[in-house]
PDB file of N, CA and C in Angstrom:
ATOM      1  N   MET A   1      -0.244   1.156  17.623  1.00  0.00           N
ATOM      2  CA  MET A   1      -1.091   1.254  16.462  1.00  0.00           C
ATOM      3  C   MET A   1      -1.499  -0.167  16.053  1.00  0.00           C
ATOM      4  N   HIS A   2      -2.724  -0.301  15.569  1.00  0.00           N
ATOM      5  CA  HIS A   2      -3.224  -1.605  15.129  1.00  0.00           C
ATOM      6  C   HIS A   2      -3.379  -1.583  13.608  1.00  0.00           C
ATOM      7  N   LEU A   3      -2.821  -2.597  12.951  1.00  0.00           N
ATOM      8  CA  LEU A   3      -2.899  -2.720  11.500  1.00  0.00           C
ATOM      9  C   LEU A   3      -3.611  -4.006  11.128  1.00  0.00           C
ATOM     10  N   LEU A   4      -4.462  -3.922  10.115  1.00  0.00           N
ATOM     11  CA  LEU A   4      -5.085  -5.107   9.527  1.00  0.00           C
ATOM     12  C   LEU A   4      -4.290  -5.474   8.288  1.00  0.00           C
ATOM     13  N   ILE A   5      -3.939  -6.732   8.158  1.00  0.00           N
ATOM     14  CA  ILE A   5      -3.194  -7.219   6.997  1.00  0.00           C
ATOM     15  C   ILE A   5      -4.139  -8.099   6.189  1.00  0.00           C
ATOM     16  N   PHE A   6      -4.581  -7.614   5.047  1.00  0.00           N
ATOM     17  CA  PHE A   6      -5.449  -8.395   4.163  1.00  0.00           C
ATOM     18  C   PHE A   6      -4.549  -9.181   3.225  1.00  0.00           C
ATOM     19  N   GLU A   7      -4.344 -10.445   3.563  1.00  0.00           N
ATOM     20  CA  GLU A   7      -3.362 -11.259   2.844  1.00  0.00           C
ATOM     21  C   GLU A   7      -3.754 -12.726   2.915  1.00  0.00           C
ATOM     22  N   ASP A   8      -3.809 -13.377   1.752  1.00  0.00           N
ATOM     23  CA  ASP A   8      -4.115 -14.809   1.725  1.00  0.00           C
ATOM     24  C   ASP A   8      -2.880 -15.658   1.443  1.00  0.00           C
ATOM     25  N   ASN A   9      -1.730 -15.021   1.326  1.00  0.00           N
ATOM     26  CA  ASN A   9      -0.470 -15.728   1.148  1.00  0.00           C
ATOM     27  C   ASN A   9       0.163 -15.900   2.530  1.00  0.00           C
ATOM     28  N   LEU A  10       0.271 -17.134   2.986  1.00  0.00           N
ATOM     29  CA  LEU A  10       0.745 -17.418   4.340  1.00  0.00           C
ATOM     30  C   LEU A  10       2.141 -16.856   4.601  1.00  0.00           C
ATOM     31  N   ILE A  11       3.030 -16.961   3.642  1.00  0.00           N
ATOM     32  CA  ILE A  11       4.397 -16.468   3.836  1.00  0.00           C
ATOM     33  C   ILE A  11       4.400 -14.953   3.993  1.00  0.00           C
ATOM     34  N   TRP A  12       3.706 -14.254   3.083  1.00  0.00           N
ATOM     35  CA  TRP A  12       3.623 -12.792   3.158  1.00  0.00           C
ATOM     36  C   TRP A  12       2.967 -12.350   4.454  1.00  0.00           C
ATOM     37  N   SER A  13       1.859 -12.987   4.812  1.00  0.00           N
ATOM     38  CA  SER A  13       1.125 -12.543   6.002  1.00  0.00           C
ATOM     39  C   SER A  13       1.977 -12.688   7.258  1.00  0.00           C
ATOM     40  N   GLU A  14       2.693 -13.785   7.387  1.00  0.00           N
ATOM     41  CA  GLU A  14       3.550 -13.984   8.560  1.00  0.00           C
ATOM     42  C   GLU A  14       4.712 -13.006   8.562  1.00  0.00           C
ATOM     43  N   ARG A  15       5.302 -12.774   7.401  1.00  0.00           N
ATOM     44  CA  ARG A  15       6.414 -11.825   7.312  1.00  0.00           C
ATOM     45  C   ARG A  15       5.952 -10.434   7.750  1.00  0.00           C
ATOM     46  N   LEU A  16       4.808  -9.999   7.226  1.00  0.00           N
ATOM     47  CA  LEU A  16       4.296  -8.677   7.590  1.00  0.00           C
ATOM     48  C   LEU A  16       3.913  -8.611   9.068  1.00  0.00           C
ATOM     49  N   ARG A  17       3.251  -9.643   9.558  1.00  0.00           N
ATOM     50  CA  ARG A  17       2.837  -9.648  10.963  1.00  0.00           C
ATOM     51  C   ARG A  17       4.045  -9.546  11.886  1.00  0.00           C
ATOM     52  N   LYS A  18       5.083 -10.317  11.604  1.00  0.00           N
ATOM     53  CA  LYS A  18       6.288 -10.290  12.435  1.00  0.00           C
ATOM     54  C   LYS A  18       6.992  -8.939  12.351  1.00  0.00           C
ATOM     55  N   THR A  19       7.062  -8.372  11.163  1.00  0.00           N
ATOM     56  CA  THR A  19       7.698  -7.065  10.995  1.00  0.00           C
ATOM     57  C   THR A  19       6.939  -6.000  11.769  1.00  0.00           C
ATOM     58  N   ILE A  20       5.626  -5.997  11.646  1.00  0.00           N
ATOM     59  CA  ILE A  20       4.800  -5.007  12.346  1.00  0.00           C
ATOM     60  C   ILE A  20       4.944  -5.167  13.855  1.00  0.00           C
ATOM     61  N   SER A  21       4.944  -6.391  14.330  1.00  0.00           N
ATOM     62  CA  SER A  21       5.123  -6.645  15.767  1.00  0.00           C
ATOM     63  C   SER A  21       6.495  -6.166  16.240  1.00  0.00           C
ATOM     64  N   ALA A  22       7.526  -6.418  15.440  1.00  0.00           N
ATOM     65  CA  ALA A  22       8.877  -5.986  15.796  1.00  0.00           C
ATOM     66  C   ALA A  22       8.985  -4.463  15.857  1.00  0.00           C
ATOM     67  N   LEU A  23       8.130  -3.778  15.098  1.00  0.00           N
ATOM     68  CA  LEU A  23       8.116  -2.311  15.118  1.00  0.00           C
ATOM     69  C   LEU A  23       7.285  -1.765  16.279  1.00  0.00           C
ATOM     70  N   GLY A  24       6.718  -2.666  17.081  1.00  0.00           N
ATOM     71  CA  GLY A  24       5.978  -2.248  18.259  1.00  0.00           C
ATOM     72  C   GLY A  24       4.490  -2.029  18.053  1.00  0.00           C
ATOM     73  N   HIS A  25       3.954  -2.537  16.955  1.00  0.00           N
ATOM     74  CA  HIS A  25       2.537  -2.369  16.648  1.00  0.00           C
ATOM     75  C   HIS A  25       1.819  -3.714  16.712  1.00  0.00           C
ATOM     76  N   GLN A  26       0.504  -3.654  16.765  1.00  0.00           N
ATOM     77  CA  GLN A  26      -0.326  -4.859  16.757  1.00  0.00           C
ATOM     78  C   GLN A  26      -0.789  -5.117  15.328  1.00  0.00           C
ATOM     79  N   ALA A  27      -0.834  -6.386  14.933  1.00  0.00           N
ATOM     80  CA  ALA A  27      -1.268  -6.746  13.580  1.00  0.00           C
ATOM     81  C   ALA A  27      -2.261  -7.897  13.641  1.00  0.00           C
ATOM     82  N   THR A  28      -3.300  -7.791  12.823  1.00  0.00           N
ATOM     83  CA  THR A  28      -4.274  -8.864  12.665  1.00  0.00           C
ATOM     84  C   THR A  28      -4.309  -9.246  11.198  1.00  0.00           C
ATOM     85  N   VAL A  29      -4.103 -10.524  10.911  1.00  0.00           N
ATOM     86  CA  VAL A  29      -4.144 -11.009   9.532  1.00  0.00           C
ATOM     87  C   VAL A  29      -5.581 -11.375   9.187  1.00  0.00           C
ATOM     88  N   ILE A  30      -6.052 -10.853   8.056  1.00  0.00           N
ATOM     89  CA  ILE A  30      -7.379 -11.163   7.525  1.00  0.00           C
ATOM     90  C   ILE A  30      -7.157 -11.953   6.240  1.00  0.00           C
ATOM     91  N   SER A  31      -7.558 -13.218   6.225  1.00  0.00           N
ATOM     92  CA  SER A  31      -7.288 -14.066   5.057  1.00  0.00           C
ATOM     93  C   SER A  31      -8.516 -14.309   4.190  1.00  0.00           C
ATOM     94  N   ARG A  32      -9.674 -13.797   4.628  1.00  0.00           N
ATOM     95  CA  ARG A  32     -10.875 -13.887   3.782  1.00  0.00           C
ATOM     96  C   ARG A  32     -11.788 -12.717   4.112  1.00  0.00           C
ATOM     97  N   LEU A  33     -12.567 -12.304   3.125  1.00  0.00           N
ATOM     98  CA  LEU A  33     -13.466 -11.170   3.307  1.00  0.00           C
ATOM     99  C   LEU A  33     -14.575 -11.514   4.291  1.00  0.00           C
ATOM    100  N   LYS A  34     -14.925 -10.528   5.118  1.00  0.00           N
ATOM    101  CA  LYS A  34     -15.952 -10.699   6.150  1.00  0.00           C
ATOM    102  C   LYS A  34     -16.851  -9.461   6.146  1.00  0.00           C
ATOM    103  N   PRO A  35     -17.990  -9.540   6.833  1.00  0.00           N
ATOM    104  CA  PRO A  35     -18.854  -8.358   6.913  1.00  0.00           C
ATOM    105  C   PRO A  35     -18.250  -7.230   7.757  1.00  0.00           C
ATOM    106  N   SER A  36     -17.421  -7.583   8.759  1.00  0.00           N
ATOM    107  CA  SER A  36     -16.804  -6.553   9.593  1.00  0.00           C
ATOM    108  C   SER A  36     -15.417  -7.024  10.036  1.00  0.00           C
ATOM    109  N   TYR A  37     -14.623  -6.057  10.499  1.00  0.00           N
ATOM    110  CA  TYR A  37     -13.234  -6.329  10.876  1.00  0.00           C
ATOM    111  C   TYR A  37     -12.930  -5.657  12.211  1.00  0.00           C
ATOM    112  N   PRO A  38     -11.872  -6.105  12.899  1.00  0.00           N
ATOM    113  CA  PRO A  38     -11.494  -5.449  14.155  1.00  0.00           C
ATOM    114  C   PRO A  38     -11.146  -3.977  13.919  1.00  0.00           C
ATOM    115  N   GLU A  39     -11.279  -3.182  14.961  1.00  0.00           N
ATOM    116  CA  GLU A  39     -10.901  -1.774  14.851  1.00  0.00           C
ATOM    117  C   GLU A  39      -9.398  -1.673  14.634  1.00  0.00           C
ATOM    118  N   ALA A  40      -9.020  -0.736  13.781  1.00  0.00           N
ATOM    119  CA  ALA A  40      -7.611  -0.515  13.474  1.00  0.00           C
ATOM    120  C   ALA A  40      -7.450   0.889  12.918  1.00  0.00           C
ATOM    121  N   GLU A  41      -6.201   1.300  12.778  1.00  0.00           N
ATOM    122  CA  GLU A  41      -5.905   2.602  12.184  1.00  0.00           C
ATOM    123  C   GLU A  41      -5.487   2.478  10.723  1.00  0.00           C
ATOM    124  N   ILE A  42      -4.863   1.349  10.389  1.00  0.00           N
ATOM    125  CA  ILE A  42      -4.287   1.159   9.051  1.00  0.00           C
ATOM    126  C   ILE A  42      -4.641  -0.229   8.546  1.00  0.00           C
ATOM    127  N   ALA A  43      -4.847  -0.337   7.238  1.00  0.00           N
ATOM    128  CA  ALA A  43      -5.034  -1.644   6.597  1.00  0.00           C
ATOM    129  C   ALA A  43      -4.032  -1.769   5.459  1.00  0.00           C
ATOM    130  N   ILE A  44      -3.443  -2.946   5.340  1.00  0.00           N
ATOM    131  CA  ILE A  44      -2.518  -3.255   4.248  1.00  0.00           C
ATOM    132  C   ILE A  44      -3.228  -4.233   3.318  1.00  0.00           C
ATOM    133  N   LEU A  45      -3.309  -3.864   2.035  1.00  0.00           N
ATOM    134  CA  LEU A  45      -4.022  -4.675   1.044  1.00  0.00           C
ATOM    135  C   LEU A  45      -3.068  -5.130  -0.052  1.00  0.00           C
ATOM    136  N   ASN A  46      -3.180  -6.382  -0.450  1.00  0.00           N
ATOM    137  CA  ASN A  46      -2.366  -6.944  -1.524  1.00  0.00           C
ATOM    138  C   ASN A  46      -3.167  -6.901  -2.823  1.00  0.00           C
ATOM    139  N   PHE A  47      -2.745  -6.049  -3.763  1.00  0.00           N
ATOM    140  CA  PHE A  47      -3.438  -5.949  -5.050  1.00  0.00           C
ATOM    141  C   PHE A  47      -3.341  -7.239  -5.849  1.00  0.00           C
ATOM    142  N   GLY A  48      -2.356  -8.066  -5.540  1.00  0.00           N
ATOM    143  CA  GLY A  48      -2.157  -9.306  -6.281  1.00  0.00           C
ATOM    144  C   GLY A  48      -3.060 -10.445  -5.846  1.00  0.00           C
ATOM    145  N   SER A  49      -3.821 -10.254  -4.780  1.00  0.00           N
ATOM    146  CA  SER A  49      -4.691 -11.314  -4.275  1.00  0.00           C
ATOM    147  C   SER A  49      -5.974 -11.390  -5.090  1.00  0.00           C
ATOM    148  N   ASP A  50      -6.248 -12.568  -5.623  1.00  0.00           N
ATOM    149  CA  ASP A  50      -7.493 -12.759  -6.375  1.00  0.00           C
ATOM    150  C   ASP A  50      -8.707 -12.822  -5.459  1.00  0.00           C
ATOM    151  N   THR A  51      -8.505 -13.191  -4.206  1.00  0.00           N
ATOM    152  CA  THR A  51      -9.642 -13.353  -3.292  1.00  0.00           C
ATOM    153  C   THR A  51      -9.887 -12.143  -2.396  1.00  0.00           C
ATOM    154  N   LEU A  52      -8.866 -11.313  -2.171  1.00  0.00           N
ATOM    155  CA  LEU A  52      -9.027 -10.204  -1.236  1.00  0.00           C
ATOM    156  C   LEU A  52      -9.040  -8.823  -1.873  1.00  0.00           C
ATOM    157  N   TRP A  53      -8.471  -8.666  -3.048  1.00  0.00           N
ATOM    158  CA  TRP A  53      -8.440  -7.341  -3.664  1.00  0.00           C
ATOM    159  C   TRP A  53      -9.805  -7.055  -4.271  1.00  0.00           C
ATOM    160  N   ASN A  54     -10.441  -6.000  -3.766  1.00  0.00           N
ATOM    161  CA  ASN A  54     -11.808  -5.706  -4.143  1.00  0.00           C
ATOM    162  C   ASN A  54     -12.070  -4.221  -3.884  1.00  0.00           C
ATOM    163  N   PRO A  55     -12.441  -3.449  -4.903  1.00  0.00           N
ATOM    164  CA  PRO A  55     -12.732  -2.027  -4.681  1.00  0.00           C
ATOM    165  C   PRO A  55     -13.828  -1.787  -3.636  1.00  0.00           C
ATOM    166  N   ASP A  56     -14.772  -2.717  -3.492  1.00  0.00           N
ATOM    167  CA  ASP A  56     -15.793  -2.570  -2.443  1.00  0.00           C
ATOM    168  C   ASP A  56     -15.160  -2.621  -1.056  1.00  0.00           C
ATOM    169  N   LEU A  57     -14.147  -3.450  -0.888  1.00  0.00           N
ATOM    170  CA  LEU A  57     -13.431  -3.515   0.385  1.00  0.00           C
ATOM    171  C   LEU A  57     -12.772  -2.168   0.675  1.00  0.00           C
ATOM    172  N   VAL A  58     -12.191  -1.563  -0.357  1.00  0.00           N
ATOM    173  CA  VAL A  58     -11.554  -0.258  -0.187  1.00  0.00           C
ATOM    174  C   VAL A  58     -12.580   0.752   0.318  1.00  0.00           C
ATOM    175  N   ARG A  59     -13.742   0.802  -0.303  1.00  0.00           N
ATOM    176  CA  ARG A  59     -14.790   1.738   0.123  1.00  0.00           C
ATOM    177  C   ARG A  59     -15.220   1.460   1.567  1.00  0.00           C
ATOM    178  N   ASN A  60     -15.373   0.189   1.904  1.00  0.00           N
ATOM    179  CA  ASN A  60     -15.759  -0.194   3.262  1.00  0.00           C
ATOM    180  C   ASN A  60     -14.724   0.291   4.277  1.00  0.00           C
ATOM    181  N   LEU A  61     -13.460   0.031   4.012  1.00  0.00           N
ATOM    182  CA  LEU A  61     -12.405   0.417   4.946  1.00  0.00           C
ATOM    183  C   LEU A  61     -12.255   1.933   5.024  1.00  0.00           C
ATOM    184  N   LYS A  62     -12.384   2.613   3.884  1.00  0.00           N
ATOM    185  CA  LYS A  62     -12.297   4.078   3.877  1.00  0.00           C
ATOM    186  C   LYS A  62     -13.442   4.682   4.681  1.00  0.00           C
ATOM    187  N   SER A  63     -14.624   4.057   4.623  1.00  0.00           N
ATOM    188  CA  SER A  63     -15.769   4.573   5.386  1.00  0.00           C
ATOM    189  C   SER A  63     -15.533   4.453   6.892  1.00  0.00           C
ATOM    190  N   GLN A  64     -14.605   3.583   7.285  1.00  0.00           N
ATOM    191  CA  GLN A  64     -14.234   3.427   8.695  1.00  0.00           C
ATOM    192  C   GLN A  64     -13.017   4.287   9.050  1.00  0.00           C
ATOM    193  N   ASN A  65     -12.624   5.153   8.113  1.00  0.00           N
ATOM    194  CA  ASN A  65     -11.510   6.090   8.302  1.00  0.00           C
ATOM    195  C   ASN A  65     -10.161   5.415   8.491  1.00  0.00           C
ATOM    196  N   LEU A  66      -9.983   4.236   7.916  1.00  0.00           N
ATOM    197  CA  LEU A  66      -8.678   3.592   7.957  1.00  0.00           C
ATOM    198  C   LEU A  66      -7.773   4.206   6.893  1.00  0.00           C
ATOM    199  N   ILE A  67      -6.506   4.279   7.195  1.00  0.00           N
ATOM    200  CA  ILE A  67      -5.502   4.653   6.207  1.00  0.00           C
ATOM    201  C   ILE A  67      -5.123   3.370   5.488  1.00  0.00           C
ATOM    202  N   LEU A  68      -5.101   3.413   4.163  1.00  0.00           N
ATOM    203  CA  LEU A  68      -4.870   2.199   3.382  1.00  0.00           C
ATOM    204  C   LEU A  68      -3.507   2.217   2.706  1.00  0.00           C
ATOM    205  N   ILE A  69      -2.789   1.114   2.875  1.00  0.00           N
ATOM    206  CA  ILE A  69      -1.531   0.868   2.176  1.00  0.00           C
ATOM    207  C   ILE A  69      -1.792  -0.310   1.251  1.00  0.00           C
ATOM    208  N   GLY A  70      -1.539  -0.132  -0.031  1.00  0.00           N
ATOM    209  CA  GLY A  70      -1.714  -1.219  -0.982  1.00  0.00           C
ATOM    210  C   GLY A  70      -0.393  -1.564  -1.635  1.00  0.00           C
ATOM    211  N   HIS A  71      -0.209  -2.846  -1.955  1.00  0.00           N
ATOM    212  CA  HIS A  71       1.065  -3.249  -2.553  1.00  0.00           C
ATOM    213  C   HIS A  71       0.869  -4.290  -3.648  1.00  0.00           C
ATOM    214  N   ALA A  72       1.830  -4.292  -4.561  1.00  0.00           N
ATOM    215  CA  ALA A  72       1.907  -5.276  -5.645  1.00  0.00           C
ATOM    216  C   ALA A  72       3.357  -5.306  -6.113  1.00  0.00           C
ATOM    217  N   GLY A  73       3.662  -6.263  -6.961  1.00  0.00           N
ATOM    218  CA  GLY A  73       5.011  -6.361  -7.510  1.00  0.00           C
ATOM    219  C   GLY A  73       5.366  -5.140  -8.340  1.00  0.00           C
ATOM    220  N   HIS A  74       6.655  -4.796  -8.394  1.00  0.00           N
ATOM    221  CA  HIS A  74       7.070  -3.588  -9.114  1.00  0.00           C
ATOM    222  C   HIS A  74       6.766  -3.657 -10.609  1.00  0.00           C
ATOM    223  N   LYS A  75       6.628  -4.847 -11.157  1.00  0.00           N
ATOM    224  CA  LYS A  75       6.292  -4.984 -12.579  1.00  0.00           C
ATOM    225  C   LYS A  75       4.786  -5.017 -12.816  1.00  0.00           C
ATOM    226  N   GLU A  76       4.002  -5.080 -11.755  1.00  0.00           N
ATOM    227  CA  GLU A  76       2.544  -5.143 -11.878  1.00  0.00           C
ATOM    228  C   GLU A  76       1.963  -3.727 -11.940  1.00  0.00           C
ATOM    229  N   LYS A  77       2.383  -2.994 -12.944  1.00  0.00           N
ATOM    230  CA  LYS A  77       2.011  -1.580 -13.080  1.00  0.00           C
ATOM    231  C   LYS A  77       0.499  -1.385 -13.140  1.00  0.00           C
ATOM    232  N   GLN A  78      -0.210  -2.286 -13.822  1.00  0.00           N
ATOM    233  CA  GLN A  78      -1.663  -2.167 -13.921  1.00  0.00           C
ATOM    234  C   GLN A  78      -2.311  -2.306 -12.546  1.00  0.00           C
ATOM    235  N   LYS A  79      -1.849  -3.241 -11.749  1.00  0.00           N
ATOM    236  CA  LYS A  79      -2.412  -3.432 -10.406  1.00  0.00           C
ATOM    237  C   LYS A  79      -2.114  -2.227  -9.514  1.00  0.00           C
ATOM    238  N   LEU A  80      -0.911  -1.684  -9.619  1.00  0.00           N
ATOM    239  CA  LEU A  80      -0.573  -0.493  -8.847  1.00  0.00           C
ATOM    240  C   LEU A  80      -1.464   0.678  -9.256  1.00  0.00           C
ATOM    241  N   ALA A  81      -1.710   0.816 -10.557  1.00  0.00           N
ATOM    242  CA  ALA A  81      -2.597   1.879 -11.050  1.00  0.00           C
ATOM    243  C   ALA A  81      -4.027   1.671 -10.558  1.00  0.00           C
ATOM    244  N   GLU A  82      -4.495   0.432 -10.562  1.00  0.00           N
ATOM    245  CA  GLU A  82      -5.846   0.132 -10.062  1.00  0.00           C
ATOM    246  C   GLU A  82      -5.979   0.530  -8.595  1.00  0.00           C
ATOM    247  N   GLY A  83      -4.942   0.308  -7.830  1.00  0.00           N
ATOM    248  CA  GLY A  83      -4.968   0.695  -6.420  1.00  0.00           C
ATOM    249  C   GLY A  83      -5.091   2.196  -6.250  1.00  0.00           C
ATOM    250  N   ARG A  84      -4.327   2.941  -7.037  1.00  0.00           N
ATOM    251  CA  ARG A  84      -4.427   4.404  -6.978  1.00  0.00           C
ATOM    252  C   ARG A  84      -5.828   4.861  -7.360  1.00  0.00           C
ATOM    253  N   GLU A  85      -6.355   4.282  -8.442  1.00  0.00           N
ATOM    254  CA  GLU A  85      -7.692   4.646  -8.913  1.00  0.00           C
ATOM    255  C   GLU A  85      -8.767   4.303  -7.885  1.00  0.00           C
ATOM    256  N   ALA A  86      -8.558   3.248  -7.114  1.00  0.00           N
ATOM    257  CA  ALA A  86      -9.540   2.826  -6.111  1.00  0.00           C
ATOM    258  C   ALA A  86      -9.507   3.711  -4.863  1.00  0.00           C
ATOM    259  N   GLY A  87      -8.480   4.554  -4.743  1.00  0.00           N
ATOM    260  CA  GLY A  87      -8.405   5.458  -3.603  1.00  0.00           C
ATOM    261  C   GLY A  87      -7.490   5.018  -2.480  1.00  0.00           C
ATOM    262  N   ILE A  88      -6.585   4.089  -2.767  1.00  0.00           N
ATOM    263  CA  ILE A  88      -5.613   3.665  -1.757  1.00  0.00           C
ATOM    264  C   ILE A  88      -4.731   4.867  -1.403  1.00  0.00           C
ATOM    265  N   ASP A  89      -4.505   5.085  -0.118  1.00  0.00           N
ATOM    266  CA  ASP A  89      -3.746   6.252   0.336  1.00  0.00           C
ATOM    267  C   ASP A  89      -2.260   6.165  -0.001  1.00  0.00           C
ATOM    268  N   HIS A  90      -1.680   4.989   0.163  1.00  0.00           N
ATOM    269  CA  HIS A  90      -0.245   4.797  -0.070  1.00  0.00           C
ATOM    270  C   HIS A  90      -0.061   3.537  -0.904  1.00  0.00           C
ATOM    271  N   VAL A  91       0.316   3.698  -2.160  1.00  0.00           N
ATOM    272  CA  VAL A  91       0.541   2.574  -3.066  1.00  0.00           C
ATOM    273  C   VAL A  91       2.045   2.333  -3.133  1.00  0.00           C
ATOM    274  N   VAL A  92       2.456   1.108  -2.801  1.00  0.00           N
ATOM    275  CA  VAL A  92       3.876   0.777  -2.751  1.00  0.00           C
ATOM    276  C   VAL A  92       4.124  -0.565  -3.435  1.00  0.00           C
ATOM    277  N   THR A  93       5.372  -0.805  -3.771  1.00  0.00           N
ATOM    278  CA  THR A  93       5.733  -2.107  -4.329  1.00  0.00           C
ATOM    279  C   THR A  93       5.969  -3.092  -3.185  1.00  0.00           C
ATOM    280  N   ASN A  94       5.993  -4.365  -3.524  1.00  0.00           N
ATOM    281  CA  ASN A  94       6.259  -5.390  -2.509  1.00  0.00           C
ATOM    282  C   ASN A  94       7.599  -5.151  -1.818  1.00  0.00           C
ATOM    283  N   SER A  95       8.617  -4.781  -2.593  1.00  0.00           N
ATOM    284  CA  SER A  95       9.934  -4.569  -1.984  1.00  0.00           C
ATOM    285  C   SER A  95       9.927  -3.347  -1.068  1.00  0.00           C
ATOM    286  N   GLU A  96       9.197  -2.293  -1.433  1.00  0.00           N
ATOM    287  CA  GLU A  96       9.091  -1.139  -0.534  1.00  0.00           C
ATOM    288  C   GLU A  96       8.411  -1.539   0.772  1.00  0.00           C
ATOM    289  N   LEU A  97       7.370  -2.337   0.665  1.00  0.00           N
ATOM    290  CA  LEU A  97       6.665  -2.786   1.865  1.00  0.00           C
ATOM    291  C   LEU A  97       7.586  -3.640   2.735  1.00  0.00           C
ATOM    292  N   THR A  98       8.385  -4.477   2.109  1.00  0.00           N
ATOM    293  CA  THR A  98       9.294  -5.357   2.840  1.00  0.00           C
ATOM    294  C   THR A  98      10.409  -4.582   3.528  1.00  0.00           C
ATOM    295  N   PHE A  99      11.048  -3.677   2.793  1.00  0.00           N
ATOM    296  CA  PHE A  99      12.256  -3.042   3.301  1.00  0.00           C
ATOM    297  C   PHE A  99      12.050  -1.651   3.895  1.00  0.00           C
ATOM    298  N   LYS A 100      10.889  -1.035   3.653  1.00  0.00           N
ATOM    299  CA  LYS A 100      10.683   0.340   4.116  1.00  0.00           C
ATOM    300  C   LYS A 100       9.398   0.520   4.915  1.00  0.00           C
ATOM    301  N   LEU A 101       8.860  -0.559   5.467  1.00  0.00           N
ATOM    302  CA  LEU A 101       7.596  -0.445   6.193  1.00  0.00           C
ATOM    303  C   LEU A 101       7.710   0.537   7.352  1.00  0.00           C
ATOM    304  N   ASP A 102       8.819   0.514   8.075  1.00  0.00           N
ATOM    305  CA  ASP A 102       9.002   1.441   9.186  1.00  0.00           C
ATOM    306  C   ASP A 102       8.903   2.886   8.700  1.00  0.00           C
ATOM    307  N   GLN A 103       9.561   3.202   7.588  1.00  0.00           N
ATOM    308  CA  GLN A 103       9.525   4.559   7.040  1.00  0.00           C
ATOM    309  C   GLN A 103       8.124   4.929   6.559  1.00  0.00           C
ATOM    310  N   ILE A 104       7.434   3.980   5.956  1.00  0.00           N
ATOM    311  CA  ILE A 104       6.064   4.226   5.485  1.00  0.00           C
ATOM    312  C   ILE A 104       5.167   4.561   6.672  1.00  0.00           C
ATOM    313  N   LEU A 105       5.270   3.787   7.749  1.00  0.00           N
ATOM    314  CA  LEU A 105       4.445   4.033   8.931  1.00  0.00           C
ATOM    315  C   LEU A 105       4.810   5.353   9.604  1.00  0.00           C
ATOM    316  N   GLN A 106       6.083   5.692   9.640  1.00  0.00           N
ATOM    317  CA  GLN A 106       6.500   6.979  10.205  1.00  0.00           C
ATOM    318  C   GLN A 106       5.927   8.132   9.395  1.00  0.00           C
ATOM    319  N   ARG A 107       5.962   8.003   8.075  1.00  0.00           N
ATOM    320  CA  ARG A 107       5.415   9.045   7.197  1.00  0.00           C
ATOM    321  C   ARG A 107       3.916   9.217   7.457  1.00  0.00           C
ATOM    322  N   ILE A 108       3.207   8.107   7.632  1.00  0.00           N
ATOM    323  CA  ILE A 108       1.770   8.169   7.913  1.00  0.00           C
ATOM    324  C   ILE A 108       1.524   8.854   9.253  1.00  0.00           C
ATOM    325  N   ASN A 109       2.330   8.543  10.254  1.00  0.00           N
ATOM    326  CA  ASN A 109       2.144   9.128  11.591  1.00  0.00           C
ATOM    327  C   ASN A 109       2.388  10.623  11.627  1.00  0.00           C
ATOM    328  N   THR A 110       3.165  11.139  10.692  1.00  0.00           N
ATOM    329  CA  THR A 110       3.458  12.576  10.687  1.00  0.00           C
ATOM    330  C   THR A 110       2.480  13.367   9.830  1.00  0.00           C
ATOM    331  N   GLN A 111       1.556  12.701   9.183  1.00  0.00           N
ATOM    332  CA  GLN A 111       0.591  13.413   8.328  1.00  0.00           C
ATOM    333  C   GLN A 111      -0.546  13.958   9.146  1.00  0.00           C
TER     334      GLN A 111
END
């Protein structure tokens, strides 16, 4: 499976990329918005990013039939709510993404 990681935080992006690779999947880090992106099945979006979080991006990715996982800090309730309102398929906290990514991906694969 190929995942796009929309992340402008170098530490987060590397952590996610390595975790996804260790789970046997391919990951591409996207650190700035572009007109088009590589083909993938899933995109991970950081609601906390001032440069990458954009409801237009959500619509663009949804139009390409990507499954979207969005994340923010557990105390960032407003950002988590914004993600749900924007149509993100799976809204999770940063800690869930860090410690339960394998389970999240398994759940997506069984849907």
